[in-house]
Amino acid sequence: MSKGKIELEPSMEVDHLLNEIQKKYTDQKPNTIDGVKIDFKNSWVHLRKSNTESIIRVYTEASSQIEAVNLMNRFKAELLAFGN
């Protein structure tokens, strides 16, 4: 398991970023009950906005620690790309 956060610039709209990720991964049928959770065959990622800070929390789980960290870094990069 791995966890991290993405610090957002003031111009970045958190709901827009999460909606874009949800659209990109429609085939995985994201769960949007508490943020956006995307399940893959051997891993998952859960993205949650903070109500008190300008951040998105990123939680991942995979077969190994390295895979979990790589998955977290991948989603951090994807979210930041949507913000540009």
PDB file of N, CA and C in Angstrom:
ATOM      1  N   MET A   1       0.842  -1.176   0.000  1.00  0.00           N
ATOM      2  CA  MET A   1       0.000   0.000   0.000  1.00  0.00           C
ATOM      3  C   MET A   1       0.886   1.238   0.000  1.00  0.00           C
ATOM      4  N   SER A   2       0.387   2.284  -0.622  1.00  0.00           N
ATOM      5  CA  SER A   2       1.109   3.546  -0.651  1.00  0.00           C
ATOM      6  C   SER A   2       0.101   4.676  -0.528  1.00  0.00           C
ATOM      7  N   LYS A   3       0.550   5.787   0.025  1.00  0.00           N
ATOM      8  CA  LYS A   3      -0.326   6.947   0.078  1.00  0.00           C
ATOM      9  C   LYS A   3       0.507   8.206  -0.110  1.00  0.00           C
ATOM     10  N   GLY A   4      -0.138   9.200  -0.685  1.00  0.00           N
ATOM     11  CA  GLY A   4       0.531  10.465  -0.932  1.00  0.00           C
ATOM     12  C   GLY A   4      -0.515  11.548  -1.134  1.00  0.00           C
ATOM     13  N   LYS A   5      -0.039  12.708  -1.557  1.00  0.00           N
ATOM     14  CA  LYS A   5      -0.975  13.799  -1.804  1.00  0.00           C
ATOM     15  C   LYS A   5      -0.452  14.655  -2.946  1.00  0.00           C
ATOM     16  N   ILE A   6      -1.383  15.330  -3.576  1.00  0.00           N
ATOM     17  CA  ILE A   6      -1.065  16.269  -4.641  1.00  0.00           C
ATOM     18  C   ILE A   6      -1.479  17.641  -4.153  1.00  0.00           C
ATOM     19  N   GLU A   7      -0.523  18.534  -4.057  1.00  0.00           N
ATOM     20  CA  GLU A   7      -0.832  19.902  -3.667  1.00  0.00           C
ATOM     21  C   GLU A   7      -1.261  20.660  -4.918  1.00  0.00           C
ATOM     22  N   LEU A   8      -2.433  21.256  -4.855  1.00  0.00           N
ATOM     23  CA  LEU A   8      -3.021  21.906  -6.020  1.00  0.00           C
ATOM     24  C   LEU A   8      -2.699  23.393  -6.059  1.00  0.00           C
ATOM     25  N   GLU A   9      -2.506  23.878  -7.259  1.00  0.00           N
ATOM     26  CA  GLU A   9      -2.343  25.311  -7.478  1.00  0.00           C
ATOM     27  C   GLU A   9      -3.710  25.970  -7.318  1.00  0.00           C
ATOM     28  N   PRO A  10      -3.776  27.250  -6.961  1.00  0.00           N
ATOM     29  CA  PRO A  10      -5.072  27.923  -6.800  1.00  0.00           C
ATOM     30  C   PRO A  10      -5.952  27.859  -8.060  1.00  0.00           C
ATOM     31  N   SER A  11      -5.334  27.776  -9.223  1.00  0.00           N
ATOM     32  CA  SER A  11      -6.109  27.745 -10.469  1.00  0.00           C
ATOM     33  C   SER A  11      -6.679  26.358 -10.785  1.00  0.00           C
ATOM     34  N   MET A  12      -6.268  25.338 -10.044  1.00  0.00           N
ATOM     35  CA  MET A  12      -6.722  23.972 -10.311  1.00  0.00           C
ATOM     36  C   MET A  12      -8.031  23.696  -9.583  1.00  0.00           C
ATOM     37  N   GLU A  13      -9.018  23.254 -10.320  1.00  0.00           N
ATOM     38  CA  GLU A  13     -10.328  22.920  -9.762  1.00  0.00           C
ATOM     39  C   GLU A  13     -10.362  21.420  -9.464  1.00  0.00           C
ATOM     40  N   VAL A  14     -10.413  21.062  -8.203  1.00  0.00           N
ATOM     41  CA  VAL A  14     -10.316  19.673  -7.779  1.00  0.00           C
ATOM     42  C   VAL A  14     -11.425  18.808  -8.378  1.00  0.00           C
ATOM     43  N   ASP A  15     -12.651  19.296  -8.408  1.00  0.00           N
ATOM     44  CA  ASP A  15     -13.746  18.495  -8.955  1.00  0.00           C
ATOM     45  C   ASP A  15     -13.542  18.232 -10.445  1.00  0.00           C
ATOM     46  N   HIS A  16     -13.016  19.207 -11.164  1.00  0.00           N
ATOM     47  CA  HIS A  16     -12.718  19.016 -12.594  1.00  0.00           C
ATOM     48  C   HIS A  16     -11.671  17.909 -12.772  1.00  0.00           C
ATOM     49  N   LEU A  17     -10.617  17.936 -11.965  1.00  0.00           N
ATOM     50  CA  LEU A  17      -9.563  16.927 -12.083  1.00  0.00           C
ATOM     51  C   LEU A  17     -10.109  15.527 -11.821  1.00  0.00           C
ATOM     52  N   LEU A  18     -10.904  15.387 -10.771  1.00  0.00           N
ATOM     53  CA  LEU A  18     -11.470  14.075 -10.449  1.00  0.00           C
ATOM     54  C   LEU A  18     -12.454  13.612 -11.514  1.00  0.00           C
ATOM     55  N   ASN A  19     -13.221  14.531 -12.086  1.00  0.00           N
ATOM     56  CA  ASN A  19     -14.141  14.169 -13.170  1.00  0.00           C
ATOM     57  C   ASN A  19     -13.390  13.695 -14.407  1.00  0.00           C
ATOM     58  N   GLU A  20     -12.265  14.347 -14.711  1.00  0.00           N
ATOM     59  CA  GLU A  20     -11.469  13.949 -15.875  1.00  0.00           C
ATOM     60  C   GLU A  20     -10.888  12.544 -15.692  1.00  0.00           C
ATOM     61  N   ILE A  21     -10.410  12.251 -14.500  1.00  0.00           N
ATOM     62  CA  ILE A  21      -9.893  10.901 -14.220  1.00  0.00           C
ATOM     63  C   ILE A  21     -11.015   9.883 -14.332  1.00  0.00           C
ATOM     64  N   GLN A  22     -12.165  10.230 -13.790  1.00  0.00           N
ATOM     65  CA  GLN A  22     -13.314   9.321 -13.854  1.00  0.00           C
ATOM     66  C   GLN A  22     -13.684   9.029 -15.307  1.00  0.00           C
ATOM     67  N   LYS A  23     -13.681  10.048 -16.152  1.00  0.00           N
ATOM     68  CA  LYS A  23     -13.993   9.870 -17.575  1.00  0.00           C
ATOM     69  C   LYS A  23     -12.941   9.005 -18.263  1.00  0.00           C
ATOM     70  N   LYS A  24     -11.676   9.265 -17.959  1.00  0.00           N
ATOM     71  CA  LYS A  24     -10.588   8.524 -18.602  1.00  0.00           C
ATOM     72  C   LYS A  24     -10.670   7.029 -18.298  1.00  0.00           C
ATOM     73  N   TYR A  25     -11.114   6.689 -17.093  1.00  0.00           N
ATOM     74  CA  TYR A  25     -11.147   5.289 -16.676  1.00  0.00           C
ATOM     75  C   TYR A  25     -12.566   4.734 -16.605  1.00  0.00           C
ATOM     76  N   THR A  26     -13.424   5.196 -17.475  1.00  0.00           N
ATOM     77  CA  THR A  26     -14.816   4.733 -17.512  1.00  0.00           C
ATOM     78  C   THR A  26     -14.914   3.216 -17.647  1.00  0.00           C
ATOM     79  N   ASP A  27     -14.024   2.614 -18.430  1.00  0.00           N
ATOM     80  CA  ASP A  27     -14.066   1.158 -18.643  1.00  0.00           C
ATOM     81  C   ASP A  27     -13.867   0.368 -17.350  1.00  0.00           C
ATOM     82  N   GLN A  28     -13.183   0.959 -16.362  1.00  0.00           N
ATOM     83  CA  GLN A  28     -12.976   0.280 -15.084  1.00  0.00           C
ATOM     84  C   GLN A  28     -14.127   0.526 -14.107  1.00  0.00           C
ATOM     85  N   LYS A  29     -15.133   1.252 -14.544  1.00  0.00           N
ATOM     86  CA  LYS A  29     -16.312   1.544 -13.718  1.00  0.00           C
ATOM     87  C   LYS A  29     -15.923   2.112 -12.340  1.00  0.00           C
ATOM     88  N   PRO A  30     -15.381   3.324 -12.325  1.00  0.00           N
ATOM     89  CA  PRO A  30     -14.941   3.930 -11.061  1.00  0.00           C
ATOM     90  C   PRO A  30     -16.078   4.050 -10.047  1.00  0.00           C
ATOM     91  N   ASN A  31     -15.732   3.847  -8.795  1.00  0.00           N
ATOM     92  CA  ASN A  31     -16.651   4.040  -7.693  1.00  0.00           C
ATOM     93  C   ASN A  31     -16.481   5.487  -7.229  1.00  0.00           C
ATOM     94  N   THR A  32     -17.573   6.233  -7.159  1.00  0.00           N
ATOM     95  CA  THR A  32     -17.498   7.655  -6.806  1.00  0.00           C
ATOM     96  C   THR A  32     -18.207   7.977  -5.488  1.00  0.00           C
ATOM     97  N   ILE A  33     -18.355   6.985  -4.635  1.00  0.00           N
ATOM     98  CA  ILE A  33     -19.033   7.215  -3.356  1.00  0.00           C
ATOM     99  C   ILE A  33     -18.240   8.176  -2.475  1.00  0.00           C
ATOM    100  N   ASP A  34     -16.939   8.010  -2.392  1.00  0.00           N
ATOM    101  CA  ASP A  34     -16.101   8.858  -1.533  1.00  0.00           C
ATOM    102  C   ASP A  34     -14.834   9.228  -2.310  1.00  0.00           C
ATOM    103  N   GLY A  35     -14.968  10.101  -3.282  1.00  0.00           N
ATOM    104  CA  GLY A  35     -13.857  10.422  -4.169  1.00  0.00           C
ATOM    105  C   GLY A  35     -13.991   9.592  -5.432  1.00  0.00           C
ATOM    106  N   VAL A  36     -12.865   9.136  -5.951  1.00  0.00           N
ATOM    107  CA  VAL A  36     -12.870   8.267  -7.131  1.00  0.00           C
ATOM    108  C   VAL A  36     -11.960   7.082  -6.823  1.00  0.00           C
ATOM    109  N   LYS A  37     -12.536   5.884  -6.823  1.00  0.00           N
ATOM    110  CA  LYS A  37     -11.756   4.662  -6.617  1.00  0.00           C
ATOM    111  C   LYS A  37     -11.826   3.846  -7.891  1.00  0.00           C
ATOM    112  N   ILE A  38     -10.644   3.457  -8.383  1.00  0.00           N
ATOM    113  CA  ILE A  38     -10.561   2.695  -9.624  1.00  0.00           C
ATOM    114  C   ILE A  38      -9.886   1.367  -9.306  1.00  0.00           C
ATOM    115  N   ASP A  39     -10.597   0.284  -9.613  1.00  0.00           N
ATOM    116  CA  ASP A  39     -10.067  -1.060  -9.398  1.00  0.00           C
ATOM    117  C   ASP A  39      -9.489  -1.592 -10.702  1.00  0.00           C
ATOM    118  N   PHE A  40      -8.279  -2.132 -10.609  1.00  0.00           N
ATOM    119  CA  PHE A  40      -7.642  -2.818 -11.715  1.00  0.00           C
ATOM    120  C   PHE A  40      -7.540  -4.297 -11.341  1.00  0.00           C
ATOM    121  N   LYS A  41      -6.992  -5.113 -12.211  1.00  0.00           N
ATOM    122  CA  LYS A  41      -6.940  -6.552 -11.949  1.00  0.00           C
ATOM    123  C   LYS A  41      -6.213  -6.878 -10.641  1.00  0.00           C
ATOM    124  N   ASN A  42      -5.031  -6.302 -10.433  1.00  0.00           N
ATOM    125  CA  ASN A  42      -4.237  -6.623  -9.250  1.00  0.00           C
ATOM    126  C   ASN A  42      -3.896  -5.409  -8.403  1.00  0.00           C
ATOM    127  N   SER A  43      -4.655  -4.326  -8.559  1.00  0.00           N
ATOM    128  CA  SER A  43      -4.353  -3.107  -7.815  1.00  0.00           C
ATOM    129  C   SER A  43      -5.562  -2.186  -7.820  1.00  0.00           C
ATOM    130  N   TRP A  44      -5.466  -1.116  -7.029  1.00  0.00           N
ATOM    131  CA  TRP A  44      -6.502  -0.086  -7.044  1.00  0.00           C
ATOM    132  C   TRP A  44      -5.896   1.244  -6.637  1.00  0.00           C
ATOM    133  N   VAL A  45      -6.597   2.312  -7.004  1.00  0.00           N
ATOM    134  CA  VAL A  45      -6.219   3.660  -6.606  1.00  0.00           C
ATOM    135  C   VAL A  45      -7.471   4.371  -6.111  1.00  0.00           C
ATOM    136  N   HIS A  46      -7.326   5.142  -5.040  1.00  0.00           N
ATOM    137  CA  HIS A  46      -8.448   5.897  -4.482  1.00  0.00           C
ATOM    138  C   HIS A  46      -7.995   7.350  -4.364  1.00  0.00           C
ATOM    139  N   LEU A  47      -8.730   8.244  -4.989  1.00  0.00           N
ATOM    140  CA  LEU A  47      -8.416   9.674  -5.003  1.00  0.00           C
ATOM    141  C   LEU A  47      -9.497  10.408  -4.229  1.00  0.00           C
ATOM    142  N   ARG A  48      -9.083  11.201  -3.239  1.00  0.00           N
ATOM    143  CA  ARG A  48     -10.044  11.927  -2.410  1.00  0.00           C
ATOM    144  C   ARG A  48      -9.610  13.371  -2.266  1.00  0.00           C
ATOM    145  N   LYS A  49     -10.568  14.261  -2.427  1.00  0.00           N
ATOM    146  CA  LYS A  49     -10.246  15.667  -2.181  1.00  0.00           C
ATOM    147  C   LYS A  49     -10.351  15.947  -0.698  1.00  0.00           C
ATOM    148  N   SER A  50      -9.552  16.887  -0.249  1.00  0.00           N
ATOM    149  CA  SER A  50      -9.593  17.317   1.145  1.00  0.00           C
ATOM    150  C   SER A  50     -10.592  18.459   1.268  1.00  0.00           C
ATOM    151  N   ASN A  51     -11.321  18.466   2.356  1.00  0.00           N
ATOM    152  CA  ASN A  51     -12.255  19.564   2.607  1.00  0.00           C
ATOM    153  C   ASN A  51     -11.597  20.724   3.349  1.00  0.00           C
ATOM    154  N   THR A  52     -10.370  20.506   3.820  1.00  0.00           N
ATOM    155  CA  THR A  52      -9.701  21.535   4.613  1.00  0.00           C
ATOM    156  C   THR A  52      -8.431  22.082   3.964  1.00  0.00           C
ATOM    157  N   GLU A  53      -7.899  21.363   2.975  1.00  0.00           N
ATOM    158  CA  GLU A  53      -6.665  21.790   2.314  1.00  0.00           C
ATOM    159  C   GLU A  53      -6.869  21.720   0.809  1.00  0.00           C
ATOM    160  N   SER A  54      -6.035  22.410   0.070  1.00  0.00           N
ATOM    161  CA  SER A  54      -6.091  22.376  -1.389  1.00  0.00           C
ATOM    162  C   SER A  54      -5.221  21.224  -1.899  1.00  0.00           C
ATOM    163  N   ILE A  55      -5.671  20.000  -1.592  1.00  0.00           N
ATOM    164  CA  ILE A  55      -4.931  18.803  -1.987  1.00  0.00           C
ATOM    165  C   ILE A  55      -5.890  17.700  -2.404  1.00  0.00           C
ATOM    166  N   ILE A  56      -5.328  16.726  -3.112  1.00  0.00           N
ATOM    167  CA  ILE A  56      -6.011  15.465  -3.389  1.00  0.00           C
ATOM    168  C   ILE A  56      -5.160  14.377  -2.741  1.00  0.00           C
ATOM    169  N   ARG A  57      -5.768  13.569  -1.924  1.00  0.00           N
ATOM    170  CA  ARG A  57      -5.063  12.444  -1.304  1.00  0.00           C
ATOM    171  C   ARG A  57      -5.128  11.250  -2.266  1.00  0.00           C
ATOM    172  N   VAL A  58      -4.018  10.547  -2.368  1.00  0.00           N
ATOM    173  CA  VAL A  58      -3.910   9.406  -3.284  1.00  0.00           C
ATOM    174  C   VAL A  58      -3.528   8.176  -2.465  1.00  0.00           C
ATOM    175  N   TYR A  59      -4.385   7.163  -2.507  1.00  0.00           N
ATOM    176  CA  TYR A  59      -4.131   5.895  -1.837  1.00  0.00           C
ATOM    177  C   TYR A  59      -4.070   4.813  -2.905  1.00  0.00           C
ATOM    178  N   THR A  60      -3.093   3.926  -2.813  1.00  0.00           N
ATOM    179  CA  THR A  60      -2.992   2.836  -3.777  1.00  0.00           C
ATOM    180  C   THR A  60      -2.686   1.533  -3.059  1.00  0.00           C
ATOM    181  N   GLU A  61      -3.049   0.451  -3.710  1.00  0.00           N
ATOM    182  CA  GLU A  61      -2.677  -0.868  -3.231  1.00  0.00           C
ATOM    183  C   GLU A  61      -2.371  -1.715  -4.449  1.00  0.00           C
ATOM    184  N   ALA A  62      -1.287  -2.497  -4.353  1.00  0.00           N
ATOM    185  CA  ALA A  62      -0.861  -3.349  -5.464  1.00  0.00           C
ATOM    186  C   ALA A  62      -0.150  -4.583  -4.898  1.00  0.00           C
ATOM    187  N   SER A  63       0.354  -5.416  -5.783  1.00  0.00           N
ATOM    188  CA  SER A  63       1.017  -6.664  -5.370  1.00  0.00           C
ATOM    189  C   SER A  63       2.314  -6.429  -4.610  1.00  0.00           C
ATOM    190  N   SER A  64       2.960  -5.296  -4.851  1.00  0.00           N
ATOM    191  CA  SER A  64       4.205  -4.981  -4.147  1.00  0.00           C
ATOM    192  C   SER A  64       4.237  -3.493  -3.815  1.00  0.00           C
ATOM    193  N   GLN A  65       5.113  -3.132  -2.910  1.00  0.00           N
ATOM    194  CA  GLN A  65       5.269  -1.729  -2.528  1.00  0.00           C
ATOM    195  C   GLN A  65       5.700  -0.892  -3.730  1.00  0.00           C
ATOM    196  N   ILE A  66       6.608  -1.420  -4.519  1.00  0.00           N
ATOM    197  CA  ILE A  66       7.091  -0.675  -5.694  1.00  0.00           C
ATOM    198  C   ILE A  66       5.952  -0.417  -6.677  1.00  0.00           C
ATOM    199  N   GLU A  67       5.129  -1.427  -6.928  1.00  0.00           N
ATOM    200  CA  GLU A  67       3.995  -1.251  -7.833  1.00  0.00           C
ATOM    201  C   GLU A  67       3.003  -0.226  -7.285  1.00  0.00           C
ATOM    202  N   ALA A  68       2.782  -0.248  -5.973  1.00  0.00           N
ATOM    203  CA  ALA A  68       1.860   0.714  -5.359  1.00  0.00           C
ATOM    204  C   ALA A  68       2.391   2.141  -5.504  1.00  0.00           C
ATOM    205  N   VAL A  69       3.671   2.326  -5.279  1.00  0.00           N
ATOM    206  CA  VAL A  69       4.284   3.655  -5.430  1.00  0.00           C
ATOM    207  C   VAL A  69       4.232   4.101  -6.888  1.00  0.00           C
ATOM    208  N   ASN A  70       4.522   3.190  -7.808  1.00  0.00           N
ATOM    209  CA  ASN A  70       4.460   3.530  -9.233  1.00  0.00           C
ATOM    210  C   ASN A  70       3.045   3.927  -9.646  1.00  0.00           C
ATOM    211  N   LEU A  71       2.047   3.216  -9.135  1.00  0.00           N
ATOM    212  CA  LEU A  71       0.656   3.542  -9.439  1.00  0.00           C
ATOM    213  C   LEU A  71       0.301   4.924  -8.887  1.00  0.00           C
ATOM    214  N   MET A  72       0.750   5.220  -7.673  1.00  0.00           N
ATOM    215  CA  MET A  72       0.498   6.529  -7.081  1.00  0.00           C
ATOM    216  C   MET A  72       1.147   7.622  -7.939  1.00  0.00           C
ATOM    217  N   ASN A  73       2.393   7.428  -8.322  1.00  0.00           N
ATOM    218  CA  ASN A  73       3.084   8.426  -9.138  1.00  0.00           C
ATOM    219  C   ASN A  73       2.418   8.610 -10.504  1.00  0.00           C
ATOM    220  N   ARG A  74       1.938   7.532 -11.071  1.00  0.00           N
ATOM    221  CA  ARG A  74       1.231   7.610 -12.355  1.00  0.00           C
ATOM    222  C   ARG A  74      -0.012   8.480 -12.243  1.00  0.00           C
ATOM    223  N   PHE A  75      -0.798   8.275 -11.200  1.00  0.00           N
ATOM    224  CA  PHE A  75      -2.030   9.049 -11.059  1.00  0.00           C
ATOM    225  C   PHE A  75      -1.758  10.490 -10.659  1.00  0.00           C
ATOM    226  N   LYS A  76      -0.695  10.717  -9.908  1.00  0.00           N
ATOM    227  CA  LYS A  76      -0.325  12.091  -9.593  1.00  0.00           C
ATOM    228  C   LYS A  76       0.007  12.833 -10.888  1.00  0.00           C
ATOM    229  N   ALA A  77       0.774  12.198 -11.760  1.00  0.00           N
ATOM    230  CA  ALA A  77       1.157  12.826 -13.037  1.00  0.00           C
ATOM    231  C   ALA A  77      -0.073  13.056 -13.913  1.00  0.00           C
ATOM    232  N   GLU A  78      -0.984  12.086 -13.959  1.00  0.00           N
ATOM    233  CA  GLU A  78      -2.189  12.242 -14.774  1.00  0.00           C
ATOM    234  C   GLU A  78      -3.056  13.391 -14.266  1.00  0.00           C
ATOM    235  N   LEU A  79      -3.241  13.478 -12.975  1.00  0.00           N
ATOM    236  CA  LEU A  79      -4.050  14.562 -12.410  1.00  0.00           C
ATOM    237  C   LEU A  79      -3.429  15.923 -12.680  1.00  0.00           C
ATOM    238  N   LEU A  80      -2.130  16.034 -12.490  1.00  0.00           N
ATOM    239  CA  LEU A  80      -1.456  17.301 -12.740  1.00  0.00           C
ATOM    240  C   LEU A  80      -1.528  17.680 -14.221  1.00  0.00           C
ATOM    241  N   ALA A  81      -1.487  16.694 -15.112  1.00  0.00           N
ATOM    242  CA  ALA A  81      -1.591  16.967 -16.551  1.00  0.00           C
ATOM    243  C   ALA A  81      -2.980  17.541 -16.878  1.00  0.00           C
ATOM    244  N   PHE A  82      -4.014  17.048 -16.208  1.00  0.00           N
ATOM    245  CA  PHE A  82      -5.357  17.591 -16.436  1.00  0.00           C
ATOM    246  C   PHE A  82      -5.470  19.015 -15.932  1.00  0.00           C
ATOM    247  N   GLY A  83      -4.633  19.387 -14.977  1.00  0.00           N
ATOM    248  CA  GLY A  83      -4.676  20.733 -14.420  1.00  0.00           C
ATOM    249  C   GLY A  83      -3.997  21.787 -15.280  1.00  0.00           C
ATOM    250  N   ASN A  84      -3.239  21.343 -16.260  1.00  0.00           N
ATOM    251  CA  ASN A  84      -2.525  22.297 -17.129  1.00  0.00           C
ATOM    252  C   ASN A  84      -3.336  22.703 -18.327  1.00  0.00           C
TER     253      ASN A  84
END
